[in-house]
Amino acid sequence: MIAVMLMSVALVAGLCVLAYTLAVYALPFMFAFASLRSPVLRLIVALVFAAPAAVAGYAR
């Protein structure tokens, strides 16, 4: 039982590290998206990020 609790703590810590790492790498993309002036370019970038999520959400 103690081993399972230690493994769950390690898993949560690993997920926190993963989330932090992904956030650090995503931050420059968010700043780049915010600095785009053209609405057409904003739409293209939004579709590039949203399309895989939509496909994954509707896939069975």
C-alpha atoms as a PDB file:
ATOM      1  CA  MET A   1       0.000   0.000   0.000  1.00  0.00           C
ATOM      2  CA  ILE A   2       2.831   2.389   0.808  1.00  0.00           C
ATOM      3  CA  ALA A   3       4.458   1.575  -2.514  1.00  0.00           C
ATOM      4  CA  VAL A   4       1.286   2.575  -4.367  1.00  0.00           C
ATOM      5  CA  MET A   5       1.122   5.879  -2.490  1.00  0.00           C
ATOM      6  CA  LEU A   6       4.766   6.628  -3.279  1.00  0.00           C
ATOM      7  CA  MET A   7       4.218   5.757  -6.930  1.00  0.00           C
ATOM      8  CA  SER A   8       1.180   8.073  -7.087  1.00  0.00           C
ATOM      9  CA  VAL A   9       3.176  10.929  -5.566  1.00  0.00           C
ATOM     10  CA  ALA A  10       5.957  10.322  -8.093  1.00  0.00           C
ATOM     11  CA  LEU A  11       3.407  10.251 -10.930  1.00  0.00           C
ATOM     12  CA  VAL A  12       1.827  13.531  -9.845  1.00  0.00           C
ATOM     13  CA  ALA A  13       5.271  15.129  -9.586  1.00  0.00           C
ATOM     14  CA  GLY A  14       6.136  13.860 -13.061  1.00  0.00           C
ATOM     15  CA  LEU A  15       2.917  15.250 -14.484  1.00  0.00           C
ATOM     16  CA  CYS A  16       3.642  18.616 -12.883  1.00  0.00           C
ATOM     17  CA  VAL A  17       7.093  18.666 -14.469  1.00  0.00           C
ATOM     18  CA  LEU A  18       5.593  17.703 -17.830  1.00  0.00           C
ATOM     19  CA  ALA A  19       2.936  20.436 -17.614  1.00  0.00           C
ATOM     20  CA  TYR A  20       5.557  23.034 -16.695  1.00  0.00           C
ATOM     21  CA  THR A  21       7.815  21.972 -19.557  1.00  0.00           C
ATOM     22  CA  LEU A  22       4.989  22.098 -22.076  1.00  0.00           C
ATOM     23  CA  ALA A  23       3.910  25.514 -20.810  1.00  0.00           C
ATOM     24  CA  VAL A  24       7.448  26.871 -21.170  1.00  0.00           C
ATOM     25  CA  TYR A  25       7.642  25.700 -24.772  1.00  0.00           C
ATOM     26  CA  ALA A  26       4.122  26.955 -25.605  1.00  0.00           C
ATOM     27  CA  LEU A  27       4.718  30.459 -24.259  1.00  0.00           C
ATOM     28  CA  PRO A  28       6.673  31.779 -27.286  1.00  0.00           C
ATOM     29  CA  PHE A  29       3.945  30.508 -29.624  1.00  0.00           C
ATOM     30  CA  MET A  30       1.306  32.376 -27.643  1.00  0.00           C
ATOM     31  CA  PHE A  31       3.315  35.605 -27.842  1.00  0.00           C
ATOM     32  CA  ALA A  32       3.844  35.095 -31.569  1.00  0.00           C
ATOM     33  CA  PHE A  33       0.113  34.549 -32.032  1.00  0.00           C
ATOM     34  CA  ALA A  34      -0.693  37.708 -30.068  1.00  0.00           C
ATOM     35  CA  SER A  35       1.664  39.784 -32.212  1.00  0.00           C
ATOM     36  CA  LEU A  36       0.055  38.756 -35.515  1.00  0.00           C
ATOM     37  CA  ARG A  37      -1.662  41.721 -37.126  1.00  0.00           C
ATOM     38  CA  SER A  38      -3.580  40.101 -39.964  1.00  0.00           C
ATOM     39  CA  PRO A  39      -6.912  38.471 -39.069  1.00  0.00           C
ATOM     40  CA  VAL A  40      -6.385  35.934 -41.859  1.00  0.00           C
ATOM     41  CA  LEU A  41      -3.073  34.805 -40.329  1.00  0.00           C
ATOM     42  CA  ARG A  42      -4.710  34.595 -36.909  1.00  0.00           C
ATOM     43  CA  LEU A  43      -7.443  32.393 -38.350  1.00  0.00           C
ATOM     44  CA  ILE A  44      -4.911  30.114 -40.035  1.00  0.00           C
ATOM     45  CA  VAL A  45      -2.875  29.720 -36.847  1.00  0.00           C
ATOM     46  CA  ALA A  46      -6.024  29.086 -34.797  1.00  0.00           C
ATOM     47  CA  LEU A  47      -7.168  26.414 -37.246  1.00  0.00           C
ATOM     48  CA  VAL A  48      -3.763  24.738 -37.203  1.00  0.00           C
ATOM     49  CA  PHE A  49      -4.003  24.396 -33.426  1.00  0.00           C
ATOM     50  CA  ALA A  50      -7.735  23.615 -33.240  1.00  0.00           C
ATOM     51  CA  ALA A  51      -8.060  21.129 -36.089  1.00  0.00           C
ATOM     52  CA  PRO A  52      -6.125  18.253 -34.437  1.00  0.00           C
ATOM     53  CA  ALA A  53      -8.081  18.755 -31.220  1.00  0.00           C
ATOM     54  CA  ALA A  54     -11.385  18.648 -33.112  1.00  0.00           C
ATOM     55  CA  VAL A  55     -10.365  15.507 -34.993  1.00  0.00           C
ATOM     56  CA  ALA A  56      -9.276  13.827 -31.756  1.00  0.00           C
ATOM     57  CA  GLY A  57     -12.461  14.910 -30.018  1.00  0.00           C
ATOM     58  CA  TYR A  58     -14.772  13.461 -32.649  1.00  0.00           C
ATOM     59  CA  ALA A  59     -12.730  10.311 -33.364  1.00  0.00           C
ATOM     60  CA  ARG A  60     -13.908   7.081 -31.862  1.00  0.00           C
END
